[in-house]
N, C-alpha and C. Protein backbone atom coordinates (compact mmCIF):
# COMPACT_ATOMS: atom_id res chain seq x y z
N UNK A 1 104.03 86.71 90.91
CA UNK A 1 103.38 85.74 91.64
C UNK A 1 104.07 84.40 91.78
N UNK A 2 105.07 84.08 90.73
CA UNK A 2 105.47 82.58 91.19
C UNK A 2 106.70 82.88 92.22
N UNK A 3 106.91 83.95 92.48
CA UNK A 3 107.96 84.00 93.62
C UNK A 3 107.29 83.48 94.87
N UNK A 4 105.90 84.00 95.26
CA UNK A 4 105.11 83.65 96.52
C UNK A 4 104.91 82.10 96.43
N UNK A 5 104.58 81.69 95.02
CA UNK A 5 104.29 80.10 95.17
C UNK A 5 105.58 79.34 95.48
N UNK A 6 106.78 79.90 95.12
CA UNK A 6 108.02 78.97 95.49
C UNK A 6 108.49 79.30 96.76
N UNK A 7 108.13 80.47 97.51
CA UNK A 7 108.52 80.71 98.87
C UNK A 7 108.24 79.69 99.84
N UNK A 8 108.84 79.77 100.86
CA UNK A 8 108.83 78.92 102.01
C UNK A 8 107.68 79.53 102.94
N UNK A 9 106.63 78.86 103.10
CA UNK A 9 105.35 79.35 103.70
C UNK A 9 105.70 79.90 105.21
N UNK A 10 106.64 79.28 105.86
CA UNK A 10 107.10 80.08 107.09
C UNK A 10 107.72 81.28 106.88
N UNK A 11 108.44 81.59 105.88
CA UNK A 11 109.13 82.84 105.56
C UNK A 11 107.92 83.90 105.20
N UNK A 12 107.11 83.27 104.38
CA UNK A 12 105.93 84.33 104.04
C UNK A 12 105.09 84.72 105.48
N UNK A 13 104.87 83.67 106.26
CA UNK A 13 104.19 83.86 107.51
C UNK A 13 104.88 85.00 108.39
N UNK A 14 106.27 84.66 108.61
CA UNK A 14 107.05 85.62 109.32
C UNK A 14 107.02 86.90 108.73
N UNK A 15 107.16 87.01 107.44
CA UNK A 15 107.35 88.46 106.96
C UNK A 15 106.03 89.07 107.30
N UNK A 16 104.86 88.44 107.08
CA UNK A 16 103.47 89.01 107.32
C UNK A 16 103.53 89.78 108.70
N UNK A 17 103.63 88.90 109.64
CA UNK A 17 103.65 88.95 111.15
C UNK A 17 104.62 90.18 111.40
N UNK A 18 105.75 90.23 110.78
CA UNK A 18 106.59 91.19 111.06
C UNK A 18 106.21 92.44 110.67
N UNK A 19 105.53 92.70 109.45
CA UNK A 19 104.95 93.79 109.21
C UNK A 19 103.53 94.23 109.95
N UNK A 20 102.94 93.13 110.41
CA UNK A 20 101.66 93.39 111.19
C UNK A 20 101.89 94.13 112.55
N UNK A 21 103.04 93.47 113.30
CA UNK A 21 103.13 93.77 114.81
C UNK A 21 103.13 95.16 115.16
N UNK A 22 104.14 95.90 114.05
CA UNK A 22 104.23 97.48 114.60
C UNK A 22 102.82 98.23 114.37
N UNK A 23 102.22 97.64 113.25
CA UNK A 23 100.76 98.37 112.90
C UNK A 23 99.79 98.13 114.12
N UNK A 24 99.94 96.95 114.56
CA UNK A 24 98.82 96.56 115.64
C UNK A 24 99.19 97.33 116.87
N UNK A 25 100.35 97.18 117.32
CA UNK A 25 100.97 97.99 118.47
C UNK A 25 100.68 99.42 118.51
N UNK A 26 100.94 100.31 117.17
CA UNK A 26 100.31 101.58 117.06
C UNK A 26 98.85 101.72 117.21
N UNK A 27 98.18 101.04 116.56
CA UNK A 27 96.55 100.94 116.78
C UNK A 27 96.22 100.86 118.15
N UNK A 28 96.58 99.84 118.96
CA UNK A 28 96.28 99.60 120.32
C UNK A 28 96.79 100.73 121.01
N UNK A 29 97.67 101.38 120.99
CA UNK A 29 97.92 102.80 121.78
C UNK A 29 97.27 103.75 121.21
N UNK A 30 97.10 104.04 119.93
CA UNK A 30 96.11 105.04 119.61
C UNK A 30 94.62 104.87 120.12
N UNK A 31 94.24 103.77 120.22
CA UNK A 31 92.90 103.40 120.63
C UNK A 31 92.75 103.17 121.97
N UNK A 32 93.87 103.17 122.80
CA UNK A 32 93.74 102.85 124.38
C UNK A 32 93.30 101.68 124.42
N UNK A 33 93.57 100.67 123.68
CA UNK A 33 93.21 99.33 123.73
C UNK A 33 94.46 98.32 124.70
N UNK A 34 93.99 97.82 125.66
CA UNK A 34 95.25 97.39 126.65
C UNK A 34 95.44 95.61 126.66
N UNK A 35 94.31 95.19 125.80
CA UNK A 35 94.40 93.69 125.76
C UNK A 35 93.73 93.32 124.31
N UNK A 36 94.44 92.55 123.74
CA UNK A 36 94.14 91.91 122.26
C UNK A 36 93.94 90.42 122.38
N UNK A 37 92.80 89.83 122.00
CA UNK A 37 92.57 88.45 122.12
C UNK A 37 92.53 87.87 120.74
N UNK A 38 92.79 86.65 120.40
CA UNK A 38 92.52 85.83 119.17
C UNK A 38 90.95 85.75 119.07
N UNK A 39 90.65 86.00 117.98
CA UNK A 39 89.18 85.94 117.86
C UNK A 39 88.68 84.47 117.87
N UNK A 40 89.37 83.31 117.46
CA UNK A 40 89.01 81.83 117.66
C UNK A 40 88.94 81.41 119.07
N UNK A 41 89.31 82.13 119.86
CA UNK A 41 89.63 82.01 121.44
C UNK A 41 88.56 82.37 122.19
N UNK A 42 87.62 83.23 121.52
CA UNK A 42 86.56 83.92 122.18
C UNK A 42 85.23 83.28 122.13
N UNK A 43 84.72 82.76 123.23
CA UNK A 43 83.33 82.22 123.35
C UNK A 43 82.29 83.27 122.87
N UNK A 44 82.33 84.25 123.29
CA UNK A 44 81.30 85.26 123.13
C UNK A 44 81.92 86.63 123.10
N UNK A 45 81.37 87.56 122.14
CA UNK A 45 81.92 88.89 122.19
C UNK A 45 81.20 89.83 121.36
N UNK A 46 81.00 91.05 121.58
CA UNK A 46 80.42 92.17 120.71
C UNK A 46 81.22 92.21 119.38
N UNK A 47 80.70 92.08 118.38
CA UNK A 47 81.25 92.41 116.96
C UNK A 47 81.90 93.82 116.92
N UNK A 48 81.42 94.67 117.53
CA UNK A 48 81.91 96.21 117.67
C UNK A 48 83.23 96.21 118.13
N UNK A 49 83.68 95.20 118.84
CA UNK A 49 85.09 95.02 119.66
C UNK A 49 86.22 94.45 118.57
N UNK A 50 85.64 93.74 117.33
CA UNK A 50 86.66 93.36 116.47
C UNK A 50 87.23 94.19 115.78
N UNK A 51 88.61 94.24 115.76
CA UNK A 51 89.51 95.12 115.11
C UNK A 51 90.18 94.74 113.66
N UNK A 52 89.61 93.41 113.48
CA UNK A 52 90.23 92.83 112.19
C UNK A 52 90.16 93.69 110.89
N UNK A 53 89.15 94.24 110.76
CA UNK A 53 88.88 95.10 109.30
C UNK A 53 89.61 96.33 109.36
N UNK A 54 89.77 97.04 110.48
CA UNK A 54 90.64 98.44 110.86
C UNK A 54 92.07 98.05 110.58
N UNK A 55 92.42 96.82 111.01
CA UNK A 55 94.02 96.39 110.89
C UNK A 55 94.28 96.21 109.51
N UNK A 56 93.48 95.42 108.73
CA UNK A 56 93.79 94.96 107.47
C UNK A 56 93.71 96.18 106.68
N UNK A 57 92.69 97.10 106.76
CA UNK A 57 92.67 98.32 106.13
C UNK A 57 93.97 98.98 106.04
N UNK A 58 94.51 99.23 107.33
CA UNK A 58 95.82 100.12 107.63
C UNK A 58 96.97 99.27 106.87
N UNK A 59 97.05 98.02 107.13
CA UNK A 59 97.99 97.13 106.36
C UNK A 59 97.95 97.36 104.94
N UNK A 60 96.58 97.01 104.43
CA UNK A 60 96.53 97.31 102.85
C UNK A 60 97.05 98.60 102.40
N UNK A 61 96.68 99.72 103.15
CA UNK A 61 97.04 101.11 102.68
C UNK A 61 98.39 101.19 102.73
N UNK A 62 99.27 100.61 103.64
CA UNK A 62 100.64 100.73 103.75
C UNK A 62 101.69 99.91 103.12
N UNK A 63 101.02 98.68 102.59
CA UNK A 63 101.77 97.56 102.09
C UNK A 63 101.08 97.28 100.61
N UNK A 64 101.34 98.09 99.66
CA UNK A 64 100.87 97.52 98.60
C UNK A 64 101.45 96.33 97.72
N UNK A 65 102.99 96.24 98.03
CA UNK A 65 103.58 95.07 97.53
C UNK A 65 104.50 94.56 98.75
N UNK A 66 104.47 93.21 98.84
CA UNK A 66 105.44 92.81 99.98
C UNK A 66 106.61 91.97 99.32
N UNK A 67 107.74 92.21 99.83
CA UNK A 67 108.84 91.37 99.22
C UNK A 67 109.18 90.25 100.08
N UNK A 68 109.02 89.04 99.57
CA UNK A 68 109.06 87.79 100.53
C UNK A 68 110.70 87.16 100.29
N UNK A 69 111.53 87.85 99.56
CA UNK A 69 112.87 87.39 99.31
C UNK A 69 113.66 87.62 100.56
């Protein structure tokens, strides 16, 4: 845990994004989703369209530990 506390936040963010991008791309192709929007930019939307939980579950199942070095 100390390694994470001492790591540069930008490096941590970049590492997580690098791990998320291929998972999201694969998910979008598999589900035939052609457009992905940031949740905080949407004024109104059906909660059934939110894929956040799906992506987090996939991420967590594939990445039990993340190396930030």
